[in-house]
Amino acid sequence: MPCVKGRLLDEQYNKIQSNYIELVADIKYDPMGLARSLFQYQVFNDDDLEKIEREARRDDGSKTDAAAKLLDILLNCGSLAYNNFIKALDDNKYYNALFRLEPGKI
């Protein structure tokens, strides 16, 4: 069952916000792959995937922009999103990003 849209819990929101620039740098290599994983975990929907892909396809867009859009959407994906984001980071071997958010998980 997909999670209800809404802002992440404050602690989770703040973790992502305080590491935002570093997380964008970590996930910019394949933001669509990570977005697809979040789709499989029912965090993202088709519309979210399209928004991220659109950022990467824009004339002045880039994978960095797509990674930033992914995080922006994630911040408002509800209470189950953060834990599924952590799982998706692990699945996609984004260990630097995972360590930034949850150092005890590695």
PDB file of N, CA and C in Angstrom:
ATOM      1  N   MET A   1       0.840  -1.181   0.000  1.00  0.00           N
ATOM      2  CA  MET A   1       0.000   0.000   0.000  1.00  0.00           C
ATOM      3  C   MET A   1       0.886   1.245   0.000  1.00  0.00           C
ATOM      4  N   PRO A   2       0.674   2.169  -0.906  1.00  0.00           N
ATOM      5  CA  PRO A   2       1.496   3.375  -0.957  1.00  0.00           C
ATOM      6  C   PRO A   2       1.317   4.221   0.299  1.00  0.00           C
ATOM      7  N   CYS A   3       2.390   4.895   0.660  1.00  0.00           N
ATOM      8  CA  CYS A   3       2.285   5.763   1.827  1.00  0.00           C
ATOM      9  C   CYS A   3       1.500   7.015   1.470  1.00  0.00           C
ATOM     10  N   VAL A   4       0.938   7.618   2.471  1.00  0.00           N
ATOM     11  CA  VAL A   4       0.166   8.840   2.298  1.00  0.00           C
ATOM     12  C   VAL A   4       1.137  10.005   2.122  1.00  0.00           C
ATOM     13  N   LYS A   5       0.876  10.838   1.133  1.00  0.00           N
ATOM     14  CA  LYS A   5       1.727  11.998   0.889  1.00  0.00           C
ATOM     15  C   LYS A   5       1.663  12.948   2.071  1.00  0.00           C
ATOM     16  N   GLY A   6       2.773  13.561   2.343  1.00  0.00           N
ATOM     17  CA  GLY A   6       2.902  14.519   3.433  1.00  0.00           C
ATOM     18  C   GLY A   6       4.366  14.631   3.801  1.00  0.00           C
ATOM     19  N   ARG A   7       4.697  15.632   4.547  1.00  0.00           N
ATOM     20  CA  ARG A   7       6.087  15.860   4.908  1.00  0.00           C
ATOM     21  C   ARG A   7       6.620  14.723   5.776  1.00  0.00           C
ATOM     22  N   LEU A   8       7.904  14.419   5.591  1.00  0.00           N
ATOM     23  CA  LEU A   8       8.565  13.437   6.443  1.00  0.00           C
ATOM     24  C   LEU A   8       8.508  13.892   7.894  1.00  0.00           C
ATOM     25  N   LEU A   9       8.736  12.963   8.789  1.00  0.00           N
ATOM     26  CA  LEU A   9       8.866  13.328  10.196  1.00  0.00           C
ATOM     27  C   LEU A   9      10.021  14.313  10.339  1.00  0.00           C
ATOM     28  N   ASP A  10       9.928  15.219  11.304  1.00  0.00           N
ATOM     29  CA  ASP A  10      10.909  16.291  11.433  1.00  0.00           C
ATOM     30  C   ASP A  10      12.351  15.790  11.483  1.00  0.00           C
ATOM     31  N   GLU A  11      12.613  14.758  12.261  1.00  0.00           N
ATOM     32  CA  GLU A  11      13.980  14.239  12.376  1.00  0.00           C
ATOM     33  C   GLU A  11      14.498  13.746  11.022  1.00  0.00           C
ATOM     34  N   GLN A  12      13.671  13.028  10.297  1.00  0.00           N
ATOM     35  CA  GLN A  12      14.051  12.509   8.986  1.00  0.00           C
ATOM     36  C   GLN A  12      14.222  13.646   7.985  1.00  0.00           C
ATOM     37  N   TYR A  13      13.294  14.573   8.002  1.00  0.00           N
ATOM     38  CA  TYR A  13      13.354  15.742   7.118  1.00  0.00           C
ATOM     39  C   TYR A  13      14.656  16.503   7.351  1.00  0.00           C
ATOM     40  N   ASN A  14      14.977  16.730   8.609  1.00  0.00           N
ATOM     41  CA  ASN A  14      16.189  17.477   8.952  1.00  0.00           C
ATOM     42  C   ASN A  14      17.463  16.743   8.563  1.00  0.00           C
ATOM     43  N   LYS A  15      17.467  15.418   8.671  1.00  0.00           N
ATOM     44  CA  LYS A  15      18.642  14.639   8.243  1.00  0.00           C
ATOM     45  C   LYS A  15      18.913  14.855   6.755  1.00  0.00           C
ATOM     46  N   ILE A  16      17.863  14.793   5.975  1.00  0.00           N
ATOM     47  CA  ILE A  16      18.028  14.979   4.531  1.00  0.00           C
ATOM     48  C   ILE A  16      18.408  16.424   4.223  1.00  0.00           C
ATOM     49  N   GLN A  17      17.730  17.374   4.840  1.00  0.00           N
ATOM     50  CA  GLN A  17      18.029  18.782   4.590  1.00  0.00           C
ATOM     51  C   GLN A  17      19.464  19.142   4.970  1.00  0.00           C
ATOM     52  N   SER A  18      19.943  18.633   6.093  1.00  0.00           N
ATOM     53  CA  SER A  18      21.292  18.992   6.535  1.00  0.00           C
ATOM     54  C   SER A  18      22.378  18.326   5.693  1.00  0.00           C
ATOM     55  N   ASN A  19      22.026  17.308   4.943  1.00  0.00           N
ATOM     56  CA  ASN A  19      22.978  16.615   4.068  1.00  0.00           C
ATOM     57  C   ASN A  19      22.623  16.780   2.592  1.00  0.00           C
ATOM     58  N   TYR A  20      21.750  17.714   2.286  1.00  0.00           N
ATOM     59  CA  TYR A  20      21.163  17.853   0.957  1.00  0.00           C
ATOM     60  C   TYR A  20      22.210  17.944  -0.157  1.00  0.00           C
ATOM     61  N   ILE A  21      23.153  18.847  -0.042  1.00  0.00           N
ATOM     62  CA  ILE A  21      24.157  19.055  -1.103  1.00  0.00           C
ATOM     63  C   ILE A  21      24.989  17.795  -1.307  1.00  0.00           C
ATOM     64  N   GLU A  22      25.402  17.171  -0.211  1.00  0.00           N
ATOM     65  CA  GLU A  22      26.198  15.953  -0.310  1.00  0.00           C
ATOM     66  C   GLU A  22      25.384  14.798  -0.892  1.00  0.00           C
ATOM     67  N   LEU A  23      24.103  14.716  -0.512  1.00  0.00           N
ATOM     68  CA  LEU A  23      23.251  13.660  -1.051  1.00  0.00           C
ATOM     69  C   LEU A  23      23.041  13.828  -2.552  1.00  0.00           C
ATOM     70  N   VAL A  24      22.828  15.056  -2.988  1.00  0.00           N
ATOM     71  CA  VAL A  24      22.698  15.310  -4.428  1.00  0.00           C
ATOM     72  C   VAL A  24      23.957  14.851  -5.145  1.00  0.00           C
ATOM     73  N   ALA A  25      25.110  15.188  -4.605  1.00  0.00           N
ATOM     74  CA  ALA A  25      26.383  14.772  -5.219  1.00  0.00           C
ATOM     75  C   ALA A  25      26.518  13.256  -5.241  1.00  0.00           C
ATOM     76  N   ASP A  26      26.039  12.590  -4.196  1.00  0.00           N
ATOM     77  CA  ASP A  26      26.142  11.130  -4.121  1.00  0.00           C
ATOM     78  C   ASP A  26      25.229  10.428  -5.121  1.00  0.00           C
ATOM     79  N   ILE A  27      24.007  10.935  -5.294  1.00  0.00           N
ATOM     80  CA  ILE A  27      23.017  10.204  -6.104  1.00  0.00           C
ATOM     81  C   ILE A  27      22.888  10.718  -7.530  1.00  0.00           C
ATOM     82  N   LYS A  28      23.666  11.713  -7.906  1.00  0.00           N
ATOM     83  CA  LYS A  28      23.514  12.307  -9.236  1.00  0.00           C
ATOM     84  C   LYS A  28      23.924  11.376 -10.381  1.00  0.00           C
ATOM     85  N   TYR A  29      24.610  10.308 -10.093  1.00  0.00           N
ATOM     86  CA  TYR A  29      25.086   9.430 -11.163  1.00  0.00           C
ATOM     87  C   TYR A  29      23.970   8.598 -11.777  1.00  0.00           C
ATOM     88  N   ASP A  30      22.953   8.272 -10.994  1.00  0.00           N
ATOM     89  CA  ASP A  30      21.820   7.528 -11.537  1.00  0.00           C
ATOM     90  C   ASP A  30      20.544   7.853 -10.757  1.00  0.00           C
ATOM     91  N   PRO A  31      20.092   9.087 -10.826  1.00  0.00           N
ATOM     92  CA  PRO A  31      18.886   9.435 -10.067  1.00  0.00           C
ATOM     93  C   PRO A  31      17.652   8.673 -10.539  1.00  0.00           C
ATOM     94  N   MET A  32      17.576   8.333 -11.818  1.00  0.00           N
ATOM     95  CA  MET A  32      16.408   7.593 -12.306  1.00  0.00           C
ATOM     96  C   MET A  32      16.398   6.167 -11.762  1.00  0.00           C
ATOM     97  N   GLY A  33      17.557   5.565 -11.630  1.00  0.00           N
ATOM     98  CA  GLY A  33      17.617   4.222 -11.047  1.00  0.00           C
ATOM     99  C   GLY A  33      17.112   4.227  -9.611  1.00  0.00           C
ATOM    100  N   LEU A  34      17.531   5.225  -8.853  1.00  0.00           N
ATOM    101  CA  LEU A  34      17.073   5.353  -7.472  1.00  0.00           C
ATOM    102  C   LEU A  34      15.581   5.682  -7.432  1.00  0.00           C
ATOM    103  N   ALA A  35      15.136   6.525  -8.338  1.00  0.00           N
ATOM    104  CA  ALA A  35      13.713   6.864  -8.410  1.00  0.00           C
ATOM    105  C   ALA A  35      12.873   5.623  -8.731  1.00  0.00           C
ATOM    106  N   ARG A  36      13.359   4.788  -9.617  1.00  0.00           N
ATOM    107  CA  ARG A  36      12.628   3.544  -9.945  1.00  0.00           C
ATOM    108  C   ARG A  36      12.546   2.622  -8.729  1.00  0.00           C
ATOM    109  N   SER A  37      13.633   2.574  -7.957  1.00  0.00           N
ATOM    110  CA  SER A  37      13.604   1.773  -6.723  1.00  0.00           C
ATOM    111  C   SER A  37      12.555   2.322  -5.759  1.00  0.00           C
ATOM    112  N   LEU A  38      12.500   3.636  -5.645  1.00  0.00           N
ATOM    113  CA  LEU A  38      11.493   4.245  -4.770  1.00  0.00           C
ATOM    114  C   LEU A  38      10.086   3.998  -5.300  1.00  0.00           C
ATOM    115  N   PHE A  39       9.938   3.912  -6.605  1.00  0.00           N
ATOM    116  CA  PHE A  39       8.659   3.543  -7.207  1.00  0.00           C
ATOM    117  C   PHE A  39       8.297   2.112  -6.815  1.00  0.00           C
ATOM    118  N   GLN A  40       9.265   1.208  -6.873  1.00  0.00           N
ATOM    119  CA  GLN A  40       9.014  -0.185  -6.499  1.00  0.00           C
ATOM    120  C   GLN A  40       8.631  -0.307  -5.030  1.00  0.00           C
ATOM    121  N   TYR A  41       9.201   0.551  -4.199  1.00  0.00           N
ATOM    122  CA  TYR A  41       8.845   0.577  -2.778  1.00  0.00           C
ATOM    123  C   TYR A  41       7.562   1.370  -2.514  1.00  0.00           C
ATOM    124  N   GLN A  42       6.920   1.821  -3.576  1.00  0.00           N
ATOM    125  CA  GLN A  42       5.654   2.560  -3.532  1.00  0.00           C
ATOM    126  C   GLN A  42       5.774   3.895  -2.797  1.00  0.00           C
ATOM    127  N   VAL A  43       6.970   4.477  -2.857  1.00  0.00           N
ATOM    128  CA  VAL A  43       7.170   5.821  -2.328  1.00  0.00           C
ATOM    129  C   VAL A  43       6.835   6.836  -3.410  1.00  0.00           C
ATOM    130  N   PHE A  44       7.284   6.564  -4.628  1.00  0.00           N
ATOM    131  CA  PHE A  44       7.027   7.443  -5.771  1.00  0.00           C
ATOM    132  C   PHE A  44       5.939   6.846  -6.638  1.00  0.00           C
ATOM    133  N   ASN A  45       5.241   7.717  -7.356  1.00  0.00           N
ATOM    134  CA  ASN A  45       4.260   7.271  -8.337  1.00  0.00           C
ATOM    135  C   ASN A  45       4.763   7.651  -9.741  1.00  0.00           C
ATOM    136  N   ASP A  46       3.973   7.343 -10.749  1.00  0.00           N
ATOM    137  CA  ASP A  46       4.369   7.645 -12.133  1.00  0.00           C
ATOM    138  C   ASP A  46       4.638   9.129 -12.338  1.00  0.00           C
ATOM    139  N   ASP A  47       3.835   9.944 -11.720  1.00  0.00           N
ATOM    140  CA  ASP A  47       3.981  11.390 -11.835  1.00  0.00           C
ATOM    141  C   ASP A  47       5.336  11.859 -11.282  1.00  0.00           C
ATOM    142  N   ASP A  48       5.732  11.290 -10.144  1.00  0.00           N
ATOM    143  CA  ASP A  48       7.021  11.638  -9.547  1.00  0.00           C
ATOM    144  C   ASP A  48       8.172  11.245 -10.471  1.00  0.00           C
ATOM    145  N   LEU A  49       8.087  10.055 -11.042  1.00  0.00           N
ATOM    146  CA  LEU A  49       9.132   9.599 -11.971  1.00  0.00           C
ATOM    147  C   LEU A  49       9.244  10.545 -13.159  1.00  0.00           C
ATOM    148  N   GLU A  50       8.097  10.960 -13.672  1.00  0.00           N
ATOM    149  CA  GLU A  50       8.095  11.872 -14.820  1.00  0.00           C
ATOM    150  C   GLU A  50       8.732  13.213 -14.465  1.00  0.00           C
ATOM    151  N   LYS A  51       8.454  13.732 -13.295  1.00  0.00           N
ATOM    152  CA  LYS A  51       9.046  15.008 -12.864  1.00  0.00           C
ATOM    153  C   LYS A  51      10.568  14.913 -12.792  1.00  0.00           C
ATOM    154  N   ILE A  52      11.064  13.804 -12.288  1.00  0.00           N
ATOM    155  CA  ILE A  52      12.518  13.618 -12.167  1.00  0.00           C
ATOM    156  C   ILE A  52      13.136  13.458 -13.548  1.00  0.00           C
ATOM    157  N   GLU A  53      12.492  12.659 -14.390  1.00  0.00           N
ATOM    158  CA  GLU A  53      13.001  12.461 -15.749  1.00  0.00           C
ATOM    159  C   GLU A  53      12.979  13.768 -16.546  1.00  0.00           C
ATOM    160  N   ARG A  54      11.940  14.547 -16.345  1.00  0.00           N
ATOM    161  CA  ARG A  54      11.833  15.837 -17.031  1.00  0.00           C
ATOM    162  C   ARG A  54      13.002  16.758 -16.662  1.00  0.00           C
ATOM    163  N   GLU A  55      13.415  16.745 -15.418  1.00  0.00           N
ATOM    164  CA  GLU A  55      14.556  17.563 -14.984  1.00  0.00           C
ATOM    165  C   GLU A  55      15.834  17.158 -15.720  1.00  0.00           C
ATOM    166  N   ALA A  56      16.029  15.874 -15.885  1.00  0.00           N
ATOM    167  CA  ALA A  56      17.233  15.383 -16.563  1.00  0.00           C
ATOM    168  C   ALA A  56      17.193  15.678 -18.058  1.00  0.00           C
ATOM    169  N   ARG A  57      15.992  15.757 -18.645  1.00  0.00           N
ATOM    170  CA  ARG A  57      15.853  15.963 -20.090  1.00  0.00           C
ATOM    171  C   ARG A  57      15.840  17.421 -20.516  1.00  0.00           C
ATOM    172  N   ARG A  58      15.589  18.327 -19.579  1.00  0.00           N
ATOM    173  CA  ARG A  58      15.523  19.748 -19.960  1.00  0.00           C
ATOM    174  C   ARG A  58      16.819  20.172 -20.647  1.00  0.00           C
ATOM    175  N   ASP A  59      16.729  21.162 -21.510  1.00  0.00           N
ATOM    176  CA  ASP A  59      17.914  21.651 -22.216  1.00  0.00           C
ATOM    177  C   ASP A  59      19.010  22.074 -21.255  1.00  0.00           C
ATOM    178  N   ASP A  60      18.623  22.764 -20.196  1.00  0.00           N
ATOM    179  CA  ASP A  60      19.619  23.211 -19.227  1.00  0.00           C
ATOM    180  C   ASP A  60      19.634  22.309 -17.990  1.00  0.00           C
ATOM    181  N   GLY A  61      18.942  21.177 -18.052  1.00  0.00           N
ATOM    182  CA  GLY A  61      18.879  20.251 -16.930  1.00  0.00           C
ATOM    183  C   GLY A  61      20.077  19.318 -16.888  1.00  0.00           C
ATOM    184  N   SER A  62      20.161  18.575 -15.829  1.00  0.00           N
ATOM    185  CA  SER A  62      21.262  17.628 -15.674  1.00  0.00           C
ATOM    186  C   SER A  62      20.848  16.546 -14.684  1.00  0.00           C
ATOM    187  N   LYS A  63      21.709  15.577 -14.527  1.00  0.00           N
ATOM    188  CA  LYS A  63      21.452  14.538 -13.537  1.00  0.00           C
ATOM    189  C   LYS A  63      21.488  15.134 -12.133  1.00  0.00           C
ATOM    190  N   THR A  64      22.276  16.196 -11.942  1.00  0.00           N
ATOM    191  CA  THR A  64      22.293  16.868 -10.646  1.00  0.00           C
ATOM    192  C   THR A  64      20.926  17.471 -10.347  1.00  0.00           C
ATOM    193  N   ASP A  65      20.318  18.093 -11.348  1.00  0.00           N
ATOM    194  CA  ASP A  65      18.978  18.651 -11.180  1.00  0.00           C
ATOM    195  C   ASP A  65      17.960  17.547 -10.890  1.00  0.00           C
ATOM    196  N   ALA A  66      18.114  16.422 -11.566  1.00  0.00           N
ATOM    197  CA  ALA A  66      17.211  15.291 -11.351  1.00  0.00           C
ATOM    198  C   ALA A  66      17.372  14.740  -9.934  1.00  0.00           C
ATOM    199  N   ALA A  67      18.612  14.665  -9.451  1.00  0.00           N
ATOM    200  CA  ALA A  67      18.858  14.192  -8.085  1.00  0.00           C
ATOM    201  C   ALA A  67      18.239  15.148  -7.068  1.00  0.00           C
ATOM    202  N   ALA A  68      18.361  16.451  -7.317  1.00  0.00           N
ATOM    203  CA  ALA A  68      17.766  17.442  -6.421  1.00  0.00           C
ATOM    204  C   ALA A  68      16.244  17.318  -6.430  1.00  0.00           C
ATOM    205  N   LYS A  69      15.659  17.114  -7.594  1.00  0.00           N
ATOM    206  CA  LYS A  69      14.203  16.954  -7.701  1.00  0.00           C
ATOM    207  C   LYS A  69      13.754  15.710  -6.939  1.00  0.00           C
ATOM    208  N   LEU A  70      14.519  14.623  -7.044  1.00  0.00           N
ATOM    209  CA  LEU A  70      14.210  13.401  -6.323  1.00  0.00           C
ATOM    210  C   LEU A  70      14.125  13.690  -4.821  1.00  0.00           C
ATOM    211  N   LEU A  71      15.119  14.384  -4.288  1.00  0.00           N
ATOM    212  CA  LEU A  71      15.118  14.690  -2.858  1.00  0.00           C
ATOM    213  C   LEU A  71      13.968  15.623  -2.488  1.00  0.00           C
ATOM    214  N   ASP A  72      13.697  16.602  -3.349  1.00  0.00           N
ATOM    215  CA  ASP A  72      12.597  17.530  -3.085  1.00  0.00           C
ATOM    216  C   ASP A  72      11.264  16.794  -2.989  1.00  0.00           C
ATOM    217  N   ILE A  73      11.046  15.858  -3.887  1.00  0.00           N
ATOM    218  CA  ILE A  73       9.812  15.072  -3.864  1.00  0.00           C
ATOM    219  C   ILE A  73       9.790  14.180  -2.627  1.00  0.00           C
ATOM    220  N   LEU A  74      10.915  13.539  -2.345  1.00  0.00           N
ATOM    221  CA  LEU A  74      11.009  12.624  -1.209  1.00  0.00           C
ATOM    222  C   LEU A  74      10.646  13.308   0.109  1.00  0.00           C
ATOM    223  N   LEU A  75      11.041  14.551   0.271  1.00  0.00           N
ATOM    224  CA  LEU A  75      10.781  15.274   1.517  1.00  0.00           C
ATOM    225  C   LEU A  75       9.289  15.381   1.840  1.00  0.00           C
ATOM    226  N   ASN A  76       8.463  15.163   0.837  1.00  0.00           N
ATOM    227  CA  ASN A  76       7.013  15.276   1.029  1.00  0.00           C
ATOM    228  C   ASN A  76       6.269  13.994   0.685  1.00  0.00           C
ATOM    229  N   CYS A  77       6.914  12.870   0.928  1.00  0.00           N
ATOM    230  CA  CYS A  77       6.305  11.580   0.574  1.00  0.00           C
ATOM    231  C   CYS A  77       5.774  10.783   1.757  1.00  0.00           C
ATOM    232  N   GLY A  78       5.663  11.386   2.904  1.00  0.00           N
ATOM    233  CA  GLY A  78       4.993  10.713   4.008  1.00  0.00           C
ATOM    234  C   GLY A  78       5.878   9.917   4.931  1.00  0.00           C
ATOM    235  N   SER A  79       5.232   9.332   5.906  1.00  0.00           N
ATOM    236  CA  SER A  79       5.919   8.721   7.038  1.00  0.00           C
ATOM    237  C   SER A  79       6.717   7.465   6.700  1.00  0.00           C
ATOM    238  N   LEU A  80       6.347   6.741   5.676  1.00  0.00           N
ATOM    239  CA  LEU A  80       7.069   5.512   5.336  1.00  0.00           C
ATOM    240  C   LEU A  80       8.204   5.750   4.339  1.00  0.00           C
ATOM    241  N   ALA A  81       8.279   6.932   3.803  1.00  0.00           N
ATOM    242  CA  ALA A  81       9.231   7.211   2.731  1.00  0.00           C
ATOM    243  C   ALA A  81      10.682   7.103   3.171  1.00  0.00           C
ATOM    244  N   TYR A  82      11.011   7.605   4.333  1.00  0.00           N
ATOM    245  CA  TYR A  82      12.415   7.644   4.754  1.00  0.00           C
ATOM    246  C   TYR A  82      13.005   6.237   4.852  1.00  0.00           C
ATOM    247  N   ASN A  83      12.316   5.339   5.532  1.00  0.00           N
ATOM    248  CA  ASN A  83      12.839   3.973   5.679  1.00  0.00           C
ATOM    249  C   ASN A  83      12.983   3.280   4.325  1.00  0.00           C
ATOM    250  N   ASN A  84      12.055   3.528   3.429  1.00  0.00           N
ATOM    251  CA  ASN A  84      12.162   2.950   2.093  1.00  0.00           C
ATOM    252  C   ASN A  84      13.275   3.621   1.287  1.00  0.00           C
ATOM    253  N   PHE A  85      13.521   4.889   1.523  1.00  0.00           N
ATOM    254  CA  PHE A  85      14.642   5.585   0.898  1.00  0.00           C
ATOM    255  C   PHE A  85      15.956   4.949   1.351  1.00  0.00           C
ATOM    256  N   ILE A  86      16.068   4.646   2.629  1.00  0.00           N
ATOM    257  CA  ILE A  86      17.267   3.990   3.154  1.00  0.00           C
ATOM    258  C   ILE A  86      17.450   2.624   2.482  1.00  0.00           C
ATOM    259  N   LYS A  87      16.367   1.869   2.338  1.00  0.00           N
ATOM    260  CA  LYS A  87      16.438   0.565   1.656  1.00  0.00           C
ATOM    261  C   LYS A  87      16.873   0.735   0.202  1.00  0.00           C
ATOM    262  N   ALA A  88      16.315   1.740  -0.469  1.00  0.00           N
ATOM    263  CA  ALA A  88      16.654   1.973  -1.878  1.00  0.00           C
ATOM    264  C   ALA A  88      18.111   2.397  -2.025  1.00  0.00           C
ATOM    265  N   LEU A  89      18.609   3.210  -1.111  1.00  0.00           N
ATOM    266  CA  LEU A  89      20.038   3.585  -1.145  1.00  0.00           C
ATOM    267  C   LEU A  89      20.902   2.343  -1.022  1.00  0.00           C
ATOM    268  N   ASP A  90      20.542   1.461  -0.111  1.00  0.00           N
ATOM    269  CA  ASP A  90      21.295   0.223   0.078  1.00  0.00           C
ATOM    270  C   ASP A  90      21.199  -0.668  -1.155  1.00  0.00           C
ATOM    271  N   ASP A  91      19.998  -0.833  -1.692  1.00  0.00           N
ATOM    272  CA  ASP A  91      19.800  -1.658  -2.890  1.00  0.00           C
ATOM    273  C   ASP A  91      20.646  -1.166  -4.062  1.00  0.00           C
ATOM    274  N   ASN A  92      20.773   0.152  -4.182  1.00  0.00           N
ATOM    275  CA  ASN A  92      21.494   0.753  -5.304  1.00  0.00           C
ATOM    276  C   ASN A  92      22.954   1.052  -4.988  1.00  0.00           C
ATOM    277  N   LYS A  93      23.396   0.585  -3.832  1.00  0.00           N
ATOM    278  CA  LYS A  93      24.808   0.701  -3.416  1.00  0.00           C
ATOM    279  C   LYS A  93      25.282   2.149  -3.275  1.00  0.00           C
ATOM    280  N   TYR A  94      24.399   3.002  -2.801  1.00  0.00           N
ATOM    281  CA  TYR A  94      24.763   4.385  -2.487  1.00  0.00           C
ATOM    282  C   TYR A  94      25.223   4.436  -1.030  1.00  0.00           C
ATOM    283  N   TYR A  95      26.367   3.808  -0.776  1.00  0.00           N
ATOM    284  CA  TYR A  95      26.832   3.651   0.595  1.00  0.00           C
ATOM    285  C   TYR A  95      27.265   4.970   1.239  1.00  0.00           C
ATOM    286  N   ASN A  96      27.805   5.896   0.457  1.00  0.00           N
ATOM    287  CA  ASN A  96      28.164   7.195   1.031  1.00  0.00           C
ATOM    288  C   ASN A  96      26.922   7.918   1.526  1.00  0.00           C
ATOM    289  N   ALA A  97      25.893   7.925   0.713  1.00  0.00           N
ATOM    290  CA  ALA A  97      24.641   8.581   1.098  1.00  0.00           C
ATOM    291  C   ALA A  97      24.020   7.875   2.297  1.00  0.00           C
ATOM    292  N   LEU A  98      24.059   6.562   2.276  1.00  0.00           N
ATOM    293  CA  LEU A  98      23.508   5.781   3.377  1.00  0.00           C
ATOM    294  C   LEU A  98      24.245   6.092   4.671  1.00  0.00           C
ATOM    295  N   PHE A  99      25.567   6.179   4.584  1.00  0.00           N
ATOM    296  CA  PHE A  99      26.372   6.478   5.765  1.00  0.00           C
ATOM    297  C   PHE A  99      26.081   7.880   6.297  1.00  0.00           C
ATOM    298  N   ARG A 100      25.846   8.828   5.397  1.00  0.00           N
ATOM    299  CA  ARG A 100      25.532  10.195   5.834  1.00  0.00           C
ATOM    300  C   ARG A 100      24.254  10.250   6.663  1.00  0.00           C
ATOM    301  N   LEU A 101      23.273   9.452   6.271  1.00  0.00           N
ATOM    302  CA  LEU A 101      21.972   9.479   6.936  1.00  0.00           C
ATOM    303  C   LEU A 101      21.872   8.524   8.115  1.00  0.00           C
ATOM    304  N   GLU A 102      22.429   7.355   7.969  1.00  0.00           N
ATOM    305  CA  GLU A 102      22.309   6.306   8.992  1.00  0.00           C
ATOM    306  C   GLU A 102      23.662   5.613   9.167  1.00  0.00           C
ATOM    307  N   PRO A 103      24.616   6.249   9.853  1.00  0.00           N
ATOM    308  CA  PRO A 103      25.960   5.666   9.968  1.00  0.00           C
ATOM    309  C   PRO A 103      25.963   4.285  10.617  1.00  0.00           C
ATOM    310  N   GLY A 104      25.008   4.000  11.473  1.00  0.00           N
ATOM    311  CA  GLY A 104      24.957   2.707  12.140  1.00  0.00           C
ATOM    312  C   GLY A 104      24.457   1.575  11.269  1.00  0.00           C
ATOM    313  N   LYS A 105      23.922   1.884  10.090  1.00  0.00           N
ATOM    314  CA  LYS A 105      23.358   0.844   9.215  1.00  0.00           C
ATOM    315  C   LYS A 105      24.408   0.179   8.343  1.00  0.00           C
ATOM    316  N   ILE A 106      25.612   0.759   8.302  1.00  0.00           N
ATOM    317  CA  ILE A 106      26.650   0.185   7.439  1.00  0.00           C
ATOM    318  C   ILE A 106      27.664  -0.556   8.275  1.00  0.00           C
TER     319      ILE A 106
END
